[in-house]
């Protein structure tokens, strides 16, 4: 399931941003829409921050699960056999030939 990170259709809001004056002037001379460029950069930065947050949450959850399993054992040992093949059952990879 895909979850949108922000409302793409949200109303635009005027904000105060301090930028290098020479860069602004040169960008305007080239017809660069500074607002759109800034918004695109914010999207990239926001997505990176969200991904980092999710990775950290997964890392913390993995540590919790590993600690739980180390202390109490696998919660459903019978189901492990379904998803984790025995080492004897693993066939060598013949794709290299």
PDB file of N, CA and C in Angstrom:
ATOM      1  N   UNK A   1       0.843  -1.179   0.000  1.00  0.00           N
ATOM      2  CA  UNK A   1       0.000   0.000   0.000  1.00  0.00           C
ATOM      3  C   UNK A   1       0.888   1.242   0.000  1.00  0.00           C
ATOM      4  N   UNK A   2       0.625   2.162  -0.878  1.00  0.00           N
ATOM      5  CA  UNK A   2       1.407   3.374  -1.012  1.00  0.00           C
ATOM      6  C   UNK A   2       0.766   4.476  -0.172  1.00  0.00           C
ATOM      7  N   UNK A   3       1.578   5.124   0.649  1.00  0.00           N
ATOM      8  CA  UNK A   3       1.101   6.234   1.460  1.00  0.00           C
ATOM      9  C   UNK A   3       1.770   7.506   0.969  1.00  0.00           C
ATOM     10  N   UNK A   4       0.964   8.531   0.704  1.00  0.00           N
ATOM     11  CA  UNK A   4       1.554   9.795   0.276  1.00  0.00           C
ATOM     12  C   UNK A   4       2.179  10.478   1.483  1.00  0.00           C
ATOM     13  N   UNK A   5       3.329  11.078   1.274  1.00  0.00           N
ATOM     14  CA  UNK A   5       4.062  11.712   2.362  1.00  0.00           C
ATOM     15  C   UNK A   5       3.551  13.111   2.685  1.00  0.00           C
ATOM     16  N   UNK A   6       2.958  13.755   1.686  1.00  0.00           N
ATOM     17  CA  UNK A   6       2.435  15.104   1.895  1.00  0.00           C
ATOM     18  C   UNK A   6       1.337  15.349   0.865  1.00  0.00           C
ATOM     19  N   UNK A   7       0.545  16.370   1.089  1.00  0.00           N
ATOM     20  CA  UNK A   7      -0.566  16.706   0.197  1.00  0.00           C
ATOM     21  C   UNK A   7      -0.031  17.460  -1.018  1.00  0.00           C
ATOM     22  N   UNK A   8      -0.015  16.805  -2.158  1.00  0.00           N
ATOM     23  CA  UNK A   8       0.502  17.410  -3.387  1.00  0.00           C
ATOM     24  C   UNK A   8      -0.371  18.571  -3.873  1.00  0.00           C
ATOM     25  N   UNK A   9      -1.603  18.587  -3.448  1.00  0.00           N
ATOM     26  CA  UNK A   9      -2.539  19.619  -3.897  1.00  0.00           C
ATOM     27  C   UNK A   9      -2.785  20.696  -2.848  1.00  0.00           C
ATOM     28  N   UNK A  10      -1.967  20.713  -1.811  1.00  0.00           N
ATOM     29  CA  UNK A  10      -2.158  21.706  -0.749  1.00  0.00           C
ATOM     30  C   UNK A  10      -1.970  23.115  -1.304  1.00  0.00           C
ATOM     31  N   UNK A  11      -2.688  24.039  -0.698  1.00  0.00           N
ATOM     32  CA  UNK A  11      -2.585  25.441  -1.094  1.00  0.00           C
ATOM     33  C   UNK A  11      -1.157  25.925  -0.853  1.00  0.00           C
ATOM     34  N   UNK A  12      -0.669  26.763  -1.744  1.00  0.00           N
ATOM     35  CA  UNK A  12       0.673  27.332  -1.586  1.00  0.00           C
ATOM     36  C   UNK A  12       0.628  28.456  -0.569  1.00  0.00           C
ATOM     37  N   UNK A  13       1.739  28.630   0.135  1.00  0.00           N
ATOM     38  CA  UNK A  13       1.826  29.648   1.168  1.00  0.00           C
ATOM     39  C   UNK A  13       3.089  30.465   0.958  1.00  0.00           C
ATOM     40  N   UNK A  14       2.974  31.770   1.096  1.00  0.00           N
ATOM     41  CA  UNK A  14       4.130  32.641   0.992  1.00  0.00           C
ATOM     42  C   UNK A  14       4.955  32.518   2.263  1.00  0.00           C
ATOM     43  N   UNK A  15       6.264  32.306   2.088  1.00  0.00           N
ATOM     44  CA  UNK A  15       7.175  32.196   3.232  1.00  0.00           C
ATOM     45  C   UNK A  15       8.370  33.103   2.992  1.00  0.00           C
ATOM     46  N   UNK A  16       9.056  33.410   4.045  1.00  0.00           N
ATOM     47  CA  UNK A  16      10.260  34.231   3.934  1.00  0.00           C
ATOM     48  C   UNK A  16      11.476  33.316   3.936  1.00  0.00           C
ATOM     49  N   UNK A  17      12.273  33.428   2.881  1.00  0.00           N
ATOM     50  CA  UNK A  17      13.475  32.613   2.748  1.00  0.00           C
ATOM     51  C   UNK A  17      14.627  33.540   2.391  1.00  0.00           C
ATOM     52  N   UNK A  18      15.747  33.362   3.056  1.00  0.00           N
ATOM     53  CA  UNK A  18      16.927  34.165   2.756  1.00  0.00           C
ATOM     54  C   UNK A  18      17.832  33.378   1.817  1.00  0.00           C
ATOM     55  N   UNK A  19      18.145  33.984   0.657  1.00  0.00           N
ATOM     56  CA  UNK A  19      18.982  33.327  -0.339  1.00  0.00           C
ATOM     57  C   UNK A  19      20.102  34.268  -0.774  1.00  0.00           C
ATOM     58  N   UNK A  20      21.118  33.715  -1.375  1.00  0.00           N
ATOM     59  CA  UNK A  20      22.221  34.487  -1.933  1.00  0.00           C
ATOM     60  C   UNK A  20      21.665  35.403  -3.024  1.00  0.00           C
ATOM     61  N   UNK A  21      21.852  36.712  -2.870  1.00  0.00           N
ATOM     62  CA  UNK A  21      21.267  37.692  -3.782  1.00  0.00           C
ATOM     63  C   UNK A  21      21.779  37.532  -5.211  1.00  0.00           C
ATOM     64  N   UNK A  22      23.068  37.255  -5.372  1.00  0.00           N
ATOM     65  CA  UNK A  22      23.624  37.075  -6.714  1.00  0.00           C
ATOM     66  C   UNK A  22      23.014  35.844  -7.374  1.00  0.00           C
ATOM     67  N   UNK A  23      22.871  34.779  -6.617  1.00  0.00           N
ATOM     68  CA  UNK A  23      22.278  33.553  -7.148  1.00  0.00           C
ATOM     69  C   UNK A  23      20.830  33.789  -7.563  1.00  0.00           C
ATOM     70  N   UNK A  24      20.106  34.555  -6.772  1.00  0.00           N
ATOM     71  CA  UNK A  24      18.718  34.871  -7.103  1.00  0.00           C
ATOM     72  C   UNK A  24      18.653  35.676  -8.392  1.00  0.00           C
ATOM     73  N   UNK A  25      19.489  36.686  -8.515  1.00  0.00           N
ATOM     74  CA  UNK A  25      19.482  37.536  -9.701  1.00  0.00           C
ATOM     75  C   UNK A  25      19.853  36.741 -10.955  1.00  0.00           C
ATOM     76  N   UNK A  26      20.884  35.922 -10.860  1.00  0.00           N
ATOM     77  CA  UNK A  26      21.322  35.143 -12.022  1.00  0.00           C
ATOM     78  C   UNK A  26      20.278  34.084 -12.398  1.00  0.00           C
ATOM     79  N   UNK A  27      19.648  33.507 -11.399  1.00  0.00           N
ATOM     80  CA  UNK A  27      18.597  32.520 -11.671  1.00  0.00           C
ATOM     81  C   UNK A  27      17.400  33.181 -12.341  1.00  0.00           C
ATOM     82  N   UNK A  28      17.012  34.340 -11.843  1.00  0.00           N
ATOM     83  CA  UNK A  28      15.901  35.076 -12.442  1.00  0.00           C
ATOM     84  C   UNK A  28      16.216  35.460 -13.884  1.00  0.00           C
ATOM     85  N   UNK A  29      17.467  35.825 -14.158  1.00  0.00           N
ATOM     86  CA  UNK A  29      17.867  36.183 -15.521  1.00  0.00           C
ATOM     87  C   UNK A  29      17.720  34.999 -16.481  1.00  0.00           C
ATOM     88  N   UNK A  30      17.829  33.801 -15.957  1.00  0.00           N
ATOM     89  CA  UNK A  30      17.667  32.595 -16.780  1.00  0.00           C
ATOM     90  C   UNK A  30      16.222  32.114 -16.806  1.00  0.00           C
ATOM     91  N   UNK A  31      15.346  32.830 -16.118  1.00  0.00           N
ATOM     92  CA  UNK A  31      13.934  32.440 -16.093  1.00  0.00           C
ATOM     93  C   UNK A  31      13.633  31.275 -15.178  1.00  0.00           C
ATOM     94  N   UNK A  32      14.507  31.029 -14.234  1.00  0.00           N
ATOM     95  CA  UNK A  32      14.320  29.918 -13.293  1.00  0.00           C
ATOM     96  C   UNK A  32      13.265  30.323 -12.260  1.00  0.00           C
ATOM     97  N   UNK A  33      12.287  29.463 -12.074  1.00  0.00           N
ATOM     98  CA  UNK A  33      11.246  29.694 -11.075  1.00  0.00           C
ATOM     99  C   UNK A  33      11.808  29.233  -9.724  1.00  0.00           C
ATOM    100  N   UNK A  34      12.252  30.181  -8.939  1.00  0.00           N
ATOM    101  CA  UNK A  34      12.927  29.880  -7.675  1.00  0.00           C
ATOM    102  C   UNK A  34      12.007  29.128  -6.718  1.00  0.00           C
ATOM    103  N   UNK A  35      10.743  29.504  -6.693  1.00  0.00           N
ATOM    104  CA  UNK A  35       9.794  28.826  -5.809  1.00  0.00           C
ATOM    105  C   UNK A  35       9.668  27.349  -6.156  1.00  0.00           C
ATOM    106  N   UNK A  36       9.568  27.037  -7.449  1.00  0.00           N
ATOM    107  CA  UNK A  36       9.426  25.638  -7.874  1.00  0.00           C
ATOM    108  C   UNK A  36      10.703  24.844  -7.602  1.00  0.00           C
ATOM    109  N   UNK A  37      11.849  25.477  -7.831  1.00  0.00           N
ATOM    110  CA  UNK A  37      13.125  24.799  -7.569  1.00  0.00           C
ATOM    111  C   UNK A  37      13.265  24.530  -6.074  1.00  0.00           C
ATOM    112  N   UNK A  38      12.924  25.515  -5.264  1.00  0.00           N
ATOM    113  CA  UNK A  38      13.007  25.345  -3.807  1.00  0.00           C
ATOM    114  C   UNK A  38      12.050  24.252  -3.346  1.00  0.00           C
ATOM    115  N   UNK A  39      10.853  24.242  -3.902  1.00  0.00           N
ATOM    116  CA  UNK A  39       9.873  23.222  -3.528  1.00  0.00           C
ATOM    117  C   UNK A  39      10.361  21.828  -3.915  1.00  0.00           C
ATOM    118  N   UNK A  40      10.944  21.700  -5.104  1.00  0.00           N
ATOM    119  CA  UNK A  40      11.476  20.405  -5.545  1.00  0.00           C
ATOM    120  C   UNK A  40      12.609  19.940  -4.625  1.00  0.00           C
ATOM    121  N   UNK A  41      13.464  20.879  -4.220  1.00  0.00           N
ATOM    122  CA  UNK A  41      14.555  20.528  -3.297  1.00  0.00           C
ATOM    123  C   UNK A  41      14.001  20.110  -1.940  1.00  0.00           C
ATOM    124  N   UNK A  42      12.938  20.776  -1.487  1.00  0.00           N
ATOM    125  CA  UNK A  42      12.312  20.404  -0.220  1.00  0.00           C
ATOM    126  C   UNK A  42      11.703  19.004  -0.285  1.00  0.00           C
ATOM    127  N   UNK A  43      11.121  18.669  -1.419  1.00  0.00           N
ATOM    128  CA  UNK A  43      10.550  17.329  -1.587  1.00  0.00           C
ATOM    129  C   UNK A  43      11.643  16.281  -1.422  1.00  0.00           C
ATOM    130  N   UNK A  44      12.776  16.484  -2.088  1.00  0.00           N
ATOM    131  CA  UNK A  44      13.886  15.534  -2.000  1.00  0.00           C
ATOM    132  C   UNK A  44      14.387  15.425  -0.555  1.00  0.00           C
ATOM    133  N   UNK A  45      14.603  16.572   0.088  1.00  0.00           N
ATOM    134  CA  UNK A  45      15.100  16.576   1.473  1.00  0.00           C
ATOM    135  C   UNK A  45      14.090  15.922   2.410  1.00  0.00           C
ATOM    136  N   UNK A  46      12.809  16.211   2.215  1.00  0.00           N
ATOM    137  CA  UNK A  46      11.761  15.638   3.059  1.00  0.00           C
ATOM    138  C   UNK A  46      11.694  14.125   2.897  1.00  0.00           C
ATOM    139  N   UNK A  47      11.748  13.656   1.648  1.00  0.00           N
ATOM    140  CA  UNK A  47      11.704  12.209   1.407  1.00  0.00           C
ATOM    141  C   UNK A  47      12.907  11.515   2.031  1.00  0.00           C
ATOM    142  N   UNK A  48      14.085  12.117   1.934  1.00  0.00           N
ATOM    143  CA  UNK A  48      15.279  11.533   2.552  1.00  0.00           C
ATOM    144  C   UNK A  48      15.126  11.464   4.067  1.00  0.00           C
ATOM    145  N   UNK A  49      14.586  12.524   4.666  1.00  0.00           N
ATOM    146  CA  UNK A  49      14.387  12.547   6.121  1.00  0.00           C
ATOM    147  C   UNK A  49      13.378  11.486   6.547  1.00  0.00           C
ATOM    148  N   UNK A  50      12.303  11.327   5.784  1.00  0.00           N
ATOM    149  CA  UNK A  50      11.294  10.310   6.114  1.00  0.00           C
ATOM    150  C   UNK A  50      11.879   8.909   5.992  1.00  0.00           C
ATOM    151  N   UNK A  51      12.666   8.669   4.947  1.00  0.00           N
ATOM    152  CA  UNK A  51      13.293   7.358   4.777  1.00  0.00           C
ATOM    153  C   UNK A  51      14.253   7.061   5.924  1.00  0.00           C
ATOM    154  N   UNK A  52      15.022   8.054   6.332  1.00  0.00           N
ATOM    155  CA  UNK A  52      15.952   7.869   7.456  1.00  0.00           C
ATOM    156  C   UNK A  52      15.183   7.545   8.731  1.00  0.00           C
ATOM    157  N   UNK A  53      14.070   8.225   8.943  1.00  0.00           N
ATOM    158  CA  UNK A  53      13.235   7.980  10.130  1.00  0.00           C
ATOM    159  C   UNK A  53      12.686   6.550  10.116  1.00  0.00           C
ATOM    160  N   UNK A  54      12.213   6.113   8.953  1.00  0.00           N
ATOM    161  CA  UNK A  54      11.666   4.758   8.839  1.00  0.00           C
ATOM    162  C   UNK A  54      12.759   3.716   9.038  1.00  0.00           C
ATOM    163  N   UNK A  55      13.949   3.949   8.460  1.00  0.00           N
ATOM    164  CA  UNK A  55      15.059   3.018   8.668  1.00  0.00           C
ATOM    165  C   UNK A  55      15.410   2.894  10.146  1.00  0.00           C
ATOM    166  N   UNK A  56      15.415   4.016  10.854  1.00  0.00           N
ATOM    167  CA  UNK A  56      15.715   3.994  12.294  1.00  0.00           C
ATOM    168  C   UNK A  56      14.641   3.227  13.054  1.00  0.00           C
ATOM    169  N   UNK A  57      13.380   3.422  12.697  1.00  0.00           N
ATOM    170  CA  UNK A  57      12.296   2.688  13.348  1.00  0.00           C
ATOM    171  C   UNK A  57      12.433   1.187  13.102  1.00  0.00           C
ATOM    172  N   UNK A  58      12.802   0.809  11.886  1.00  0.00           N
ATOM    173  CA  UNK A  58      12.999  -0.607  11.558  1.00  0.00           C
ATOM    174  C   UNK A  58      14.183  -1.161  12.338  1.00  0.00           C
ATOM    175  N   UNK A  59      15.268  -0.388  12.431  1.00  0.00           N
ATOM    176  CA  UNK A  59      16.450  -0.833  13.185  1.00  0.00           C
ATOM    177  C   UNK A  59      16.089  -1.067  14.648  1.00  0.00           C
ATOM    178  N   UNK A  60      15.330  -0.134  15.242  1.00  0.00           N
ATOM    179  CA  UNK A  60      14.927  -0.278  16.637  1.00  0.00           C
ATOM    180  C   UNK A  60      14.017  -1.485  16.821  1.00  0.00           C
ATOM    181  N   UNK A  61      13.086  -1.688  15.891  1.00  0.00           N
ATOM    182  CA  UNK A  61      12.181  -2.839  15.978  1.00  0.00           C
ATOM    183  C   UNK A  61      12.949  -4.142  15.846  1.00  0.00           C
ATOM    184  N   UNK A  62      13.935  -4.170  14.952  1.00  0.00           N
ATOM    185  CA  UNK A  62      14.751  -5.371  14.764  1.00  0.00           C
ATOM    186  C   UNK A  62      15.541  -5.692  16.025  1.00  0.00           C
ATOM    187  N   UNK A  63      16.095  -4.666  16.650  1.00  0.00           N
ATOM    188  CA  UNK A  63      16.824  -4.883  17.907  1.00  0.00           C
ATOM    189  C   UNK A  63      15.894  -5.442  18.978  1.00  0.00           C
ATOM    190  N   UNK A  64      14.685  -4.901  19.065  1.00  0.00           N
ATOM    191  CA  UNK A  64      13.717  -5.381  20.050  1.00  0.00           C
ATOM    192  C   UNK A  64      13.371  -6.846  19.793  1.00  0.00           C
ATOM    193  N   UNK A  65      13.105  -7.157  18.519  1.00  0.00           N
ATOM    194  CA  UNK A  65      12.741  -8.536  18.170  1.00  0.00           C
ATOM    195  C   UNK A  65      13.902  -9.487  18.440  1.00  0.00           C
ATOM    196  N   UNK A  66      15.113  -9.092  18.057  1.00  0.00           N
ATOM    197  CA  UNK A  66      16.290  -9.938  18.303  1.00  0.00           C
ATOM    198  C   UNK A  66      16.475 -10.190  19.795  1.00  0.00           C
ATOM    199  N   UNK A  67      16.294  -9.156  20.614  1.00  0.00           N
ATOM    200  CA  UNK A  67      16.425  -9.309  22.066  1.00  0.00           C
ATOM    201  C   UNK A  67      15.338 -10.227  22.614  1.00  0.00           C
ATOM    202  N   UNK A  68      14.122 -10.073  22.111  1.00  0.00           N
ATOM    203  CA  UNK A  68      13.010 -10.911  22.566  1.00  0.00           C
ATOM    204  C   UNK A  68      13.277 -12.370  22.217  1.00  0.00           C
ATOM    205  N   UNK A  69      13.688 -12.627  20.983  1.00  0.00           N
ATOM    206  CA  UNK A  69      13.952 -14.003  20.549  1.00  0.00           C
ATOM    207  C   UNK A  69      15.121 -14.592  21.338  1.00  0.00           C
ATOM    208  N   UNK A  70      16.158 -13.789  21.603  1.00  0.00           N
ATOM    209  CA  UNK A  70      17.299 -14.280  22.373  1.00  0.00           C
ATOM    210  C   UNK A  70      16.880 -14.671  23.788  1.00  0.00           C
ATOM    211  N   UNK A  71      15.954 -13.905  24.359  1.00  0.00           N
ATOM    212  CA  UNK A  71      15.532 -14.181  25.741  1.00  0.00           C
ATOM    213  C   UNK A  71      14.459 -15.261  25.833  1.00  0.00           C
ATOM    214  N   UNK A  72      13.491 -15.236  24.903  1.00  0.00           N
ATOM    215  CA  UNK A  72      12.326 -16.120  25.020  1.00  0.00           C
ATOM    216  C   UNK A  72      12.250 -17.201  23.946  1.00  0.00           C
ATOM    217  N   UNK A  73      13.100 -17.123  22.952  1.00  0.00           N
ATOM    218  CA  UNK A  73      13.014 -18.059  21.836  1.00  0.00           C
ATOM    219  C   UNK A  73      12.040 -17.556  20.781  1.00  0.00           C
ATOM    220  N   UNK A  74      12.017 -18.255  19.656  1.00  0.00           N
ATOM    221  CA  UNK A  74      11.120 -17.871  18.561  1.00  0.00           C
ATOM    222  C   UNK A  74       9.679 -18.077  19.009  1.00  0.00           C
ATOM    223  N   UNK A  75       8.804 -17.063  18.804  1.00  0.00           N
ATOM    224  CA  UNK A  75       7.436 -17.183  19.306  1.00  0.00           C
ATOM    225  C   UNK A  75       6.618 -18.269  18.624  1.00  0.00           C
ATOM    226  N   UNK A  76       6.920 -18.621  17.389  1.00  0.00           N
ATOM    227  CA  UNK A  76       6.178 -19.660  16.680  1.00  0.00           C
ATOM    228  C   UNK A  76       7.175 -20.613  16.027  1.00  0.00           C
ATOM    229  N   UNK A  77       7.829 -21.449  16.820  1.00  0.00           N
ATOM    230  CA  UNK A  77       8.889 -22.300  16.264  1.00  0.00           C
ATOM    231  C   UNK A  77       8.402 -23.207  15.137  1.00  0.00           C
ATOM    232  N   UNK A  78       7.139 -23.645  15.198  1.00  0.00           N
ATOM    233  CA  UNK A  78       6.633 -24.531  14.150  1.00  0.00           C
ATOM    234  C   UNK A  78       6.517 -23.807  12.806  1.00  0.00           C
ATOM    235  N   UNK A  79       6.280 -22.513  12.820  1.00  0.00           N
ATOM    236  CA  UNK A  79       6.152 -21.776  11.560  1.00  0.00           C
ATOM    237  C   UNK A  79       7.517 -21.455  10.954  1.00  0.00           C
ATOM    238  N   UNK A  80       8.549 -21.500  11.748  1.00  0.00           N
ATOM    239  CA  UNK A  80       9.890 -21.227  11.223  1.00  0.00           C
ATOM    240  C   UNK A  80      10.277 -22.220  10.145  1.00  0.00           C
ATOM    241  N   UNK A  81       9.838 -23.467  10.306  1.00  0.00           N
ATOM    242  CA  UNK A  81      10.170 -24.506   9.333  1.00  0.00           C
ATOM    243  C   UNK A  81       9.558 -24.197   7.968  1.00  0.00           C
ATOM    244  N   UNK A  82       8.452 -23.492   7.950  1.00  0.00           N
ATOM    245  CA  UNK A  82       7.796 -23.158   6.689  1.00  0.00           C
ATOM    246  C   UNK A  82       8.626 -22.146   5.904  1.00  0.00           C
ATOM    247  N   UNK A  83       9.184 -21.181   6.615  1.00  0.00           N
ATOM    248  CA  UNK A  83       9.861 -20.072   5.954  1.00  0.00           C
ATOM    249  C   UNK A  83      11.386 -20.183   5.929  1.00  0.00           C
ATOM    250  N   UNK A  84      11.959 -20.983   6.790  1.00  0.00           N
ATOM    251  CA  UNK A  84      13.412 -21.087   6.888  1.00  0.00           C
ATOM    252  C   UNK A  84      13.824 -22.519   6.544  1.00  0.00           C
ATOM    253  N   UNK A  85      14.365 -22.735   5.348  1.00  0.00           N
ATOM    254  CA  UNK A  85      14.762 -24.102   4.975  1.00  0.00           C
ATOM    255  C   UNK A  85      15.946 -24.584   5.818  1.00  0.00           C
ATOM    256  N   UNK A  86      16.001 -25.876   6.005  1.00  0.00           N
ATOM    257  CA  UNK A  86      17.149 -26.460   6.694  1.00  0.00           C
ATOM    258  C   UNK A  86      18.375 -26.306   5.809  1.00  0.00           C
ATOM    259  N   UNK A  87      19.545 -26.227   6.429  1.00  0.00           N
ATOM    260  CA  UNK A  87      20.776 -26.087   5.655  1.00  0.00           C
ATOM    261  C   UNK A  87      20.984 -27.279   4.719  1.00  0.00           C
ATOM    262  N   UNK A  88      20.518 -28.476   5.128  1.00  0.00           N
ATOM    263  CA  UNK A  88      20.668 -29.667   4.296  1.00  0.00           C
ATOM    264  C   UNK A  88      19.804 -29.595   3.044  1.00  0.00           C
ATOM    265  N   UNK A  89      18.699 -28.826   3.097  1.00  0.00           N
ATOM    266  CA  UNK A  89      17.767 -28.745   1.980  1.00  0.00           C
ATOM    267  C   UNK A  89      18.165 -27.714   0.933  1.00  0.00           C
ATOM    268  N   UNK A  90      19.114 -26.875   1.230  1.00  0.00           N
ATOM    269  CA  UNK A  90      19.519 -25.801   0.307  1.00  0.00           C
ATOM    270  C   UNK A  90      20.368 -26.390  -0.801  1.00  0.00           C
ATOM    271  N   UNK A  91      19.955 -26.143  -2.055  1.00  0.00           N
ATOM    272  CA  UNK A  91      20.701 -26.663  -3.199  1.00  0.00           C
ATOM    273  C   UNK A  91      21.723 -25.624  -3.627  1.00  0.00           C
ATOM    274  N   UNK A  92      22.875 -26.076  -4.120  1.00  0.00           N
ATOM    275  CA  UNK A  92      23.886 -25.102  -4.595  1.00  0.00           C
ATOM    276  C   UNK A  92      23.361 -24.327  -5.785  1.00  0.00           C
ATOM    277  N   UNK A  93      23.862 -23.135  -5.955  1.00  0.00           N
ATOM    278  CA  UNK A  93      23.443 -22.262  -7.040  1.00  0.00           C
ATOM    279  C   UNK A  93      24.140 -22.699  -8.331  1.00  0.00           C
ATOM    280  N   UNK A  94      23.335 -23.149  -9.303  1.00  0.00           N
ATOM    281  CA  UNK A  94      23.884 -23.618 -10.583  1.00  0.00           C
ATOM    282  C   UNK A  94      23.871 -22.530 -11.643  1.00  0.00           C
ATOM    283  N   UNK A  95      23.481 -21.312 -11.304  1.00  0.00           N
ATOM    284  CA  UNK A  95      23.391 -20.216 -12.266  1.00  0.00           C
ATOM    285  C   UNK A  95      24.753 -19.758 -12.768  1.00  0.00           C
ATOM    286  N   UNK A  96      25.820 -20.071 -12.051  1.00  0.00           N
ATOM    287  CA  UNK A  96      27.155 -19.598 -12.414  1.00  0.00           C
ATOM    288  C   UNK A  96      27.697 -20.304 -13.651  1.00  0.00           C
ATOM    289  N   UNK A  97      27.100 -21.423 -13.992  1.00  0.00           N
ATOM    290  CA  UNK A  97      27.611 -22.210 -15.137  1.00  0.00           C
ATOM    291  C   UNK A  97      27.277 -21.593 -16.461  1.00  0.00           C
TER     292      UNK A  97
END
